[in-house]
Amino acid sequence: MPALRVAELFAGVGGFRLGLEQAGGYQVVYSNQWEPGRRKQHASAIYVQRFGADHHDNRDIASVPVEEVPDHDVLVGGFPCQDYSVASTLRNARGLVGRKGVLWWQIHRLLRDHPHPPAHLVLENVDRLLSSPAGQRGRDLAVMLSSLWGLGYAVEWRVINAADYGMPQRRRRMFLVGHRIERMSGMTAELLQDHGVLAGAFPFAVKRQGPSIQLEADLRKLSDRFNRDGRRSPFGNAGVMVNGLVLTRDVSPVHTGPATTLGDILQPEKDVPAAFRIPRGELKRWRYLKGAKREARKVSRNGFAYHYSEGAMAFPDPLDKPGRTVVTGEGGKAPSRFKHVVSVDGKRFRRLTPIELERLNMFPDDHTAGSPDTWRAFFMGNALVVGIVERIGRALTVFHDHGER
């Protein structure tokens, strides 16, 4: 089969592209990366540095005419997740709100208006999409699924923790894989649950069979009514939607292969720059931030007093387990509760280097070289685990080829 053509939105520094290229059988024909409010487009510059400027677009996706996006077979993207609730209005539809969450509707616009909509889509976001917003848990996902139904797609989703499948980081993300309904060859929702792309890529065991849900096609009504009085989201961590019928359940991972730990990805100590060492005089502050707390605090601007508590975090991070989730604030010397701290001898402590952060996301060493270290950490906090995309890519080619037959 010829290579599947890919359009990559919200490309960051190219995690989706790396994963699909490693899977084989994909060719990126369009990529878009633009960070609002930034004079210098650091992520886009890294993308061009690694993959070249051909077919790369550094404009606000909302300003890109659909006809300028070339024909493609697969649309991929990790659309921004800072605002959940997800989206803004679709004309007069209420629901899904947020300055960055509104970008969901740019994906919708491209799928709706492109003269040759793609056969498949692969999207990534945070797992709290299952239960947002707080007042109508699950509504945002319901609106997204219904909108894709209206555009002629069936959808499968799964919350995947990369470490559950032997990868070096405990990073939970939600993946949605969509297929043009006419390519489904009579596949029902039940069959898609057990034989779809995500089922093929990530073996599982069923923990709990959830409810079936019939979505409303009218997005305004759905946004107003969905789970209005529910305290819990009806969506499990896995599910499918075919022709408006949603089947959902909770599953647990099944993995019998090797597992990579934080210790496995560390650079030799002789290669670690001195800037990443933590001076002895700062260890007390690091231990305090990482430790358990139960203390009285006061708001400085108005004197409001309250009790604050939080549990302890490991200090240093264990080397015999996968690393914790990389966050965007991982860079910089300042002590922090959320940055990784490692020690190979129990005496000297240090932060992770940019190369080690790249390895936690399964990027090549020095993929982000050329940007300041704080930006390199920021990129990895926003990135996805490349190995997850590679496995999805391999399973998707099989699914696509079956549809062609």
Protein backbone atom coordinates (compact mmCIF):
# COMPACT_ATOMS: atom_id res chain seq x y z
CA MET A 1 0.00 0.00 0.00
CA PRO A 2 1.21 3.56 -0.65
CA ALA A 3 2.21 5.64 2.36
CA LEU A 4 -0.67 7.22 4.26
CA ARG A 5 -0.54 11.01 3.95
CA VAL A 6 -0.64 12.84 7.28
CA ALA A 7 -1.69 16.34 8.31
CA GLU A 8 -0.28 17.17 11.75
CA LEU A 9 -1.98 19.95 13.73
CA PHE A 10 -0.65 21.48 16.99
CA ALA A 11 2.58 19.74 16.03
CA GLY A 12 4.78 20.98 18.88
CA VAL A 13 8.27 19.63 18.26
CA GLY A 14 7.01 16.68 16.23
CA GLY A 15 6.10 13.82 18.56
CA PHE A 16 3.32 12.52 16.34
CA ARG A 17 5.57 12.67 13.30
CA LEU A 18 8.36 10.78 15.03
CA GLY A 19 6.00 8.03 16.16
CA LEU A 20 4.40 7.58 12.76
CA GLU A 21 7.73 7.61 10.95
CA GLN A 22 8.97 4.91 13.32
CA ALA A 23 5.82 2.89 12.63
CA GLY A 24 6.49 3.15 8.89
CA GLY A 25 4.06 3.72 6.05
CA TYR A 26 3.30 7.41 6.72
CA GLN A 27 4.27 10.65 4.99
CA VAL A 28 3.61 14.06 6.57
CA VAL A 29 2.27 16.37 3.86
CA TYR A 30 1.27 19.26 6.16
CA SER A 31 2.18 20.36 9.67
CA ASN A 32 1.05 23.37 11.69
CA GLN A 33 2.55 24.75 14.89
CA TRP A 34 1.82 28.21 16.27
CA GLU A 35 1.97 29.42 19.85
CA PRO A 36 -0.22 32.48 20.49
CA GLY A 37 1.34 35.50 22.14
CA ARG A 38 4.93 34.46 21.37
CA ARG A 39 7.24 36.69 19.36
CA LYS A 40 9.66 33.83 18.82
CA GLN A 41 8.08 30.54 17.83
CA HIS A 42 10.44 28.16 19.63
CA ALA A 43 8.59 24.88 19.00
CA SER A 44 8.05 25.63 15.32
CA ALA A 45 11.74 26.46 14.96
CA ILE A 46 12.71 23.09 16.44
CA TYR A 47 10.23 21.30 14.15
CA VAL A 48 11.75 22.96 11.07
CA GLN A 49 15.26 22.30 12.36
CA ARG A 50 14.55 18.57 12.66
CA PHE A 51 12.23 17.93 9.71
CA GLY A 52 12.73 20.82 7.28
CA ALA A 53 10.46 23.67 6.26
CA ASP A 54 8.66 21.83 3.45
CA HIS A 55 4.92 21.58 4.14
CA HIS A 56 5.32 23.32 7.55
CA ASP A 57 2.98 26.16 8.49
CA ASN A 58 3.67 28.60 11.34
CA ARG A 59 0.33 30.45 11.35
CA ASP A 60 -2.64 30.50 13.68
CA ILE A 61 -4.62 27.48 12.50
CA ALA A 62 -7.80 29.58 12.71
CA SER A 63 -6.42 31.80 9.95
CA VAL A 64 -5.48 28.95 7.59
CA PRO A 65 -7.98 28.46 4.73
CA VAL A 66 -9.06 24.83 4.51
CA GLU A 67 -8.19 24.69 0.83
CA GLU A 68 -4.53 25.35 1.71
CA VAL A 69 -4.33 22.07 3.65
CA PRO A 70 -3.40 19.38 1.12
CA ASP A 71 -5.31 16.13 0.77
CA HIS A 72 -4.40 13.69 3.52
CA ASP A 73 -5.46 10.27 4.77
CA VAL A 74 -4.86 10.81 8.49
CA LEU A 75 -5.33 13.93 10.60
CA VAL A 76 -3.34 13.89 13.86
CA GLY A 77 -2.89 16.34 16.69
CA GLY A 78 -2.51 16.83 20.41
CA PHE A 79 -4.86 19.78 20.64
CA PRO A 80 -4.19 22.16 23.55
CA CYS A 81 -5.60 21.00 26.85
CA GLN A 82 -5.20 23.97 29.19
CA ASP A 83 -8.90 24.81 29.14
CA TYR A 84 -11.18 22.01 30.17
CA SER A 85 -14.09 22.68 29.65
CA VAL A 86 -13.03 22.13 26.02
CA ALA A 87 -14.49 24.39 23.46
CA SER A 88 -16.24 27.53 22.44
CA THR A 89 -19.43 28.04 20.55
CA LEU A 90 -20.15 26.29 17.29
CA ARG A 91 -22.12 29.20 15.88
CA ASN A 92 -24.72 29.52 18.64
CA ALA A 93 -24.08 26.20 20.39
CA ARG A 94 -23.37 26.69 24.06
CA GLY A 95 -20.89 24.56 25.96
CA LEU A 96 -17.23 23.80 25.49
CA VAL A 97 -15.45 27.05 26.62
CA GLY A 98 -11.87 28.25 26.96
CA ARG A 99 -9.30 30.37 25.15
CA LYS A 100 -7.24 27.36 24.05
CA GLY A 101 -9.94 24.71 24.26
CA VAL A 102 -11.72 26.53 21.43
CA LEU A 103 -9.10 25.02 19.10
CA TRP A 104 -11.10 21.79 19.09
CA TRP A 105 -13.41 23.55 16.63
CA GLN A 106 -10.51 24.18 14.25
CA ILE A 107 -10.16 20.41 13.92
CA HIS A 108 -13.91 20.27 13.37
CA ARG A 109 -13.71 23.03 10.72
CA LEU A 110 -11.04 21.21 8.76
CA LEU A 111 -12.93 17.91 8.84
CA ARG A 112 -16.20 19.63 7.94
CA ASP A 113 -15.01 21.88 5.12
CA HIS A 114 -12.16 19.99 3.48
CA PRO A 115 -13.19 18.74 0.02
CA HIS A 116 -11.59 15.36 0.79
CA PRO A 117 -11.88 14.71 4.53
CA PRO A 118 -9.34 12.19 5.87
CA ALA A 119 -10.13 8.53 6.30
CA HIS A 120 -8.81 8.53 9.88
CA LEU A 121 -7.93 10.86 12.71
CA VAL A 122 -5.77 10.37 15.79
CA LEU A 123 -6.12 12.92 18.58
CA GLU A 124 -4.52 13.18 22.03
CA ASN A 125 -5.52 15.05 25.16
CA VAL A 126 -5.54 14.87 28.94
CA ASP A 127 -7.63 12.19 30.61
CA ARG A 128 -9.79 14.71 32.48
CA LEU A 129 -11.62 15.18 29.19
CA LEU A 130 -13.65 12.18 30.38
CA SER A 131 -15.16 14.19 33.22
CA SER A 132 -15.17 17.83 32.19
CA PRO A 133 -16.74 20.21 32.99
CA ALA A 134 -17.36 19.88 36.73
CA GLY A 135 -21.04 20.83 36.46
CA GLN A 136 -21.90 18.30 33.71
CA ARG A 137 -19.27 15.62 33.88
CA GLY A 138 -18.55 14.08 30.50
CA ARG A 139 -20.38 16.73 28.51
CA ASP A 140 -17.33 17.93 26.60
CA LEU A 141 -16.47 14.45 25.34
CA ALA A 142 -20.12 13.84 24.48
CA VAL A 143 -20.21 17.00 22.36
CA MET A 144 -16.97 16.06 20.62
CA LEU A 145 -18.23 12.54 19.86
CA SER A 146 -21.57 13.85 18.60
CA SER A 147 -19.88 16.45 16.40
CA LEU A 148 -17.69 13.75 14.85
CA TRP A 149 -20.76 11.57 14.32
CA GLY A 150 -22.30 14.48 12.43
CA LEU A 151 -19.19 14.66 10.24
CA GLY A 152 -19.41 10.97 9.34
CA TYR A 153 -16.89 9.42 11.74
CA ALA A 154 -16.91 6.49 14.12
CA VAL A 155 -14.62 6.95 17.11
CA GLU A 156 -12.73 4.78 19.57
CA TRP A 157 -10.96 6.12 22.66
CA ARG A 158 -8.71 4.88 25.44
CA VAL A 159 -6.91 6.44 28.40
CA ILE A 160 -3.36 5.06 28.18
CA ASN A 161 -0.60 5.30 30.74
CA ALA A 162 2.64 4.84 28.80
CA ALA A 163 4.34 3.11 31.73
CA ASP A 164 1.66 0.40 31.72
CA TYR A 165 3.08 -0.77 28.40
CA GLY A 166 6.74 -0.78 29.36
CA MET A 167 7.59 2.82 28.49
CA PRO A 168 9.73 5.01 30.76
CA GLN A 169 7.17 7.59 31.93
CA ARG A 170 3.96 7.43 33.95
CA ARG A 171 2.02 9.68 31.59
CA ARG A 172 -1.74 9.21 31.31
CA ARG A 173 -3.28 10.60 28.16
CA MET A 174 -6.50 10.06 26.29
CA PHE A 175 -6.30 9.02 22.63
CA LEU A 176 -9.20 9.23 20.21
CA VAL A 177 -9.01 7.40 16.88
CA GLY A 178 -11.68 8.16 14.28
CA HIS A 179 -12.64 6.42 11.04
CA ARG A 180 -14.89 7.47 8.18
CA ILE A 181 -18.03 5.46 8.69
CA GLU A 182 -18.15 4.31 5.06
CA ARG A 183 -14.81 2.55 5.62
CA MET A 184 -16.10 0.50 8.50
CA SER A 185 -17.21 -2.42 6.27
CA GLY A 186 -20.22 -3.17 8.44
CA MET A 187 -18.22 -3.13 11.66
CA THR A 188 -20.53 -2.58 14.62
CA ALA A 189 -19.75 -0.73 17.82
CA GLU A 190 -19.29 -4.05 19.60
CA LEU A 191 -16.74 -5.22 17.01
CA LEU A 192 -14.90 -1.91 17.08
CA GLN A 193 -14.56 -2.16 20.86
CA ASP A 194 -12.71 -5.45 20.59
CA HIS A 195 -11.05 -5.22 17.18
CA GLY A 196 -10.33 -1.53 16.63
CA VAL A 197 -6.98 0.21 16.39
CA LEU A 198 -6.59 0.83 20.12
CA ALA A 199 -7.62 -2.72 21.02
CA GLY A 200 -5.00 -4.01 18.61
CA ALA A 201 -2.26 -1.67 19.82
CA PHE A 202 -2.81 -2.00 23.57
CA PRO A 203 -3.95 -5.36 24.99
CA PHE A 204 -6.42 -5.08 27.85
CA ALA A 205 -8.70 -6.87 30.27
CA VAL A 206 -12.23 -5.65 30.96
CA LYS A 207 -12.74 -4.49 34.55
CA ARG A 208 -16.28 -3.11 34.28
CA GLN A 209 -18.81 -2.93 31.49
CA GLY A 210 -20.29 0.56 31.43
CA PRO A 211 -23.58 1.85 30.10
CA SER A 212 -24.51 2.34 26.46
CA ILE A 213 -25.41 5.93 25.62
CA GLN A 214 -27.38 7.28 22.68
CA LEU A 215 -26.12 10.76 21.83
CA GLU A 216 -28.27 13.58 20.53
CA ALA A 217 -27.35 14.91 17.11
CA ASP A 218 -28.31 18.48 18.05
CA LEU A 219 -25.18 19.88 19.73
CA ARG A 220 -27.04 22.71 21.45
CA LYS A 221 -29.50 20.33 23.08
CA LEU A 222 -26.76 17.87 23.94
CA SER A 223 -24.65 20.58 25.53
CA ASP A 224 -27.59 21.77 27.62
CA ARG A 225 -28.91 18.37 28.70
CA PHE A 226 -26.04 15.91 28.95
CA ASN A 227 -25.58 14.54 32.48
CA ARG A 228 -27.10 17.69 33.92
CA ASP A 229 -27.66 16.11 37.33
CA GLY A 230 -24.88 13.53 37.27
CA ARG A 231 -22.12 13.60 39.85
CA ARG A 232 -19.96 11.17 37.88
CA SER A 233 -19.12 10.94 34.23
CA PRO A 234 -20.84 8.02 32.47
CA PHE A 235 -17.72 7.44 30.36
CA GLY A 236 -15.22 4.73 31.22
CA ASN A 237 -11.55 4.84 30.31
CA ALA A 238 -12.28 3.05 27.03
CA GLY A 239 -15.12 3.20 24.57
CA VAL A 240 -16.42 3.58 21.05
CA MET A 241 -19.04 5.60 19.21
CA VAL A 242 -20.70 4.38 16.01
CA ASN A 243 -23.68 6.25 14.51
CA GLY A 244 -24.33 8.07 17.78
CA LEU A 245 -24.33 4.91 19.92
CA VAL A 246 -21.65 4.99 22.61
CA LEU A 247 -20.40 1.85 24.35
CA THR A 248 -18.15 2.48 27.31
CA ARG A 249 -16.25 0.40 29.84
CA ASP A 250 -13.27 0.42 32.17
CA VAL A 251 -10.30 -1.68 31.15
CA SER A 252 -6.91 -2.50 32.66
CA PRO A 253 -3.67 -2.87 30.69
CA VAL A 254 -2.12 -6.22 29.82
CA HIS A 255 1.63 -6.09 29.25
CA THR A 256 4.10 -8.96 29.53
CA GLY A 257 7.14 -7.47 27.82
CA PRO A 258 10.11 -5.54 29.21
CA ALA A 259 9.70 -2.31 31.17
CA THR A 260 11.97 0.74 31.13
CA THR A 261 12.71 2.57 34.38
CA LEU A 262 13.91 6.06 35.21
CA GLY A 263 17.34 4.64 36.00
CA ASP A 264 17.54 3.12 32.53
CA ILE A 265 17.35 6.48 30.77
CA LEU A 266 19.86 8.45 32.87
CA GLN A 267 23.01 9.81 31.29
CA PRO A 268 26.37 8.81 32.78
CA GLU A 269 27.12 11.13 35.68
CA LYS A 270 30.31 12.31 33.99
CA ASP A 271 28.20 13.74 31.15
CA VAL A 272 25.84 15.73 33.39
CA PRO A 273 26.63 19.47 33.40
CA ALA A 274 27.33 21.03 36.78
CA ALA A 275 24.33 23.35 36.38
CA PHE A 276 22.01 20.39 37.08
CA ARG A 277 23.59 19.56 40.45
CA ILE A 278 21.67 20.68 43.52
CA PRO A 279 23.92 22.50 46.03
CA ARG A 280 23.84 21.06 49.55
CA GLY A 281 22.56 24.33 50.91
CA GLU A 282 19.38 24.03 48.82
CA LEU A 283 18.50 20.44 49.75
CA LYS A 284 16.51 21.52 52.81
CA ARG A 285 14.19 23.59 50.61
CA TRP A 286 13.78 20.73 48.13
CA ARG A 287 12.96 18.30 50.95
CA TYR A 288 10.37 20.69 52.37
CA LEU A 289 8.62 21.12 49.03
CA LYS A 290 8.59 17.37 48.39
CA GLY A 291 7.52 16.49 51.92
CA ALA A 292 4.13 16.08 53.59
CA LYS A 293 2.62 19.27 55.03
CA ARG A 294 -0.13 20.20 57.40
CA GLU A 295 0.19 23.82 58.36
CA ALA A 296 -1.62 27.10 58.86
CA ARG A 297 -1.27 29.61 56.04
CA LYS A 298 -2.50 33.10 55.37
CA VAL A 299 -3.38 34.94 52.14
CA SER A 300 -1.08 37.98 52.10
CA ARG A 301 -3.40 40.34 50.25
CA ASN A 302 -6.37 40.00 52.60
CA GLY A 303 -5.13 38.13 55.70
CA PHE A 304 -7.47 35.16 55.16
CA ALA A 305 -6.21 32.22 57.25
CA TYR A 306 -6.60 28.58 56.24
CA HIS A 307 -5.12 25.11 56.83
CA TYR A 308 -3.05 23.61 54.04
CA SER A 309 -2.10 19.95 53.68
CA GLU A 310 -0.53 17.71 51.05
CA GLY A 311 1.10 14.32 50.99
CA ALA A 312 4.75 13.47 50.59
CA MET A 313 6.45 12.82 47.26
CA ALA A 314 9.44 10.55 46.82
CA PHE A 315 12.77 12.30 47.28
CA PRO A 316 14.77 11.47 45.32
CA ASP A 317 12.71 9.84 42.58
CA PRO A 318 13.09 6.04 42.59
CA LEU A 319 15.33 4.77 39.82
CA ASP A 320 13.74 1.31 39.66
CA LYS A 321 10.35 2.63 38.49
CA PRO A 322 9.20 4.64 35.46
CA GLY A 323 9.57 8.39 35.80
CA ARG A 324 6.72 10.61 36.88
CA THR A 325 4.86 12.74 34.35
CA VAL A 326 7.11 15.44 32.91
CA VAL A 327 5.56 18.87 33.47
CA THR A 328 6.16 22.09 31.54
CA GLY A 329 7.87 23.66 34.56
CA GLU A 330 10.50 20.92 34.79
CA GLY A 331 13.30 23.28 33.72
CA GLY A 332 15.21 25.85 35.75
CA LYS A 333 17.23 25.71 38.96
CA ALA A 334 14.56 26.85 41.41
CA PRO A 335 13.43 24.19 43.93
CA SER A 336 10.07 22.69 43.06
CA ARG A 337 7.73 19.98 44.29
CA PHE A 338 7.09 18.72 40.77
CA LYS A 339 10.53 18.53 39.18
CA HIS A 340 12.33 15.20 39.10
CA VAL A 341 15.32 14.83 41.43
CA VAL A 342 17.65 11.83 41.11
CA SER A 343 20.62 10.47 42.99
CA VAL A 344 22.68 7.52 41.83
CA ASP A 345 24.78 7.27 45.01
CA GLY A 346 22.43 8.59 47.71
CA LYS A 347 24.77 11.51 48.37
CA ARG A 348 24.68 13.81 45.35
CA PHE A 349 21.36 15.08 44.01
CA ARG A 350 20.50 16.63 40.69
CA ARG A 351 17.75 17.56 38.28
CA LEU A 352 17.13 15.79 34.99
CA THR A 353 18.95 17.03 31.91
CA PRO A 354 17.14 17.97 28.67
CA ILE A 355 18.35 14.73 27.08
CA GLU A 356 16.90 12.68 29.96
CA LEU A 357 13.57 14.51 29.64
CA GLU A 358 13.59 13.70 25.93
CA ARG A 359 14.26 10.05 26.71
CA LEU A 360 11.29 9.94 29.10
CA ASN A 361 9.11 10.85 26.10
CA MET A 362 11.11 8.47 23.85
CA PHE A 363 12.46 11.30 21.67
CA PRO A 364 15.93 11.05 20.13
CA ASP A 365 18.73 12.58 22.18
CA ASP A 366 19.10 16.32 21.57
CA HIS A 367 15.93 16.51 19.49
CA THR A 368 15.26 19.92 21.06
CA ALA A 369 18.90 21.11 21.09
CA GLY A 370 19.24 24.71 20.01
CA SER A 371 16.67 26.10 22.45
CA PRO A 372 17.37 27.19 26.05
CA ASP A 373 17.16 24.40 28.63
CA THR A 374 13.96 25.82 30.16
CA TRP A 375 12.28 25.75 26.77
CA ARG A 376 13.51 22.23 26.13
CA ALA A 377 11.86 21.14 29.38
CA PHE A 378 8.69 23.03 28.43
CA PHE A 379 8.55 21.20 25.09
CA MET A 380 8.75 17.83 26.82
CA GLY A 381 6.08 18.82 29.33
CA ASN A 382 3.78 19.48 26.39
CA ALA A 383 4.88 16.46 24.35
CA LEU A 384 3.48 12.96 24.10
CA VAL A 385 5.27 9.64 24.46
CA VAL A 386 6.49 8.73 20.99
CA GLY A 387 6.20 4.98 21.60
CA ILE A 388 2.43 5.29 22.11
CA VAL A 389 2.03 6.90 18.68
CA GLU A 390 4.26 4.31 17.07
CA ARG A 391 2.04 1.48 18.36
CA ILE A 392 -1.11 3.28 17.22
CA GLY A 393 0.49 3.89 13.83
CA ARG A 394 1.30 0.21 13.32
CA ALA A 395 -2.21 -0.86 14.27
CA LEU A 396 -3.81 1.83 12.11
CA THR A 397 -2.04 0.67 8.95
CA VAL A 398 -3.45 -2.82 9.51
CA PHE A 399 -6.94 -1.41 10.11
CA HIS A 400 -6.69 0.83 7.05
CA ASP A 401 -5.47 -1.95 4.78
CA HIS A 402 -8.35 -4.14 5.93
CA GLY A 403 -10.76 -1.37 4.96
CA GLU A 404 -9.14 -1.06 1.53
CA ARG A 405 -9.77 -4.76 0.94
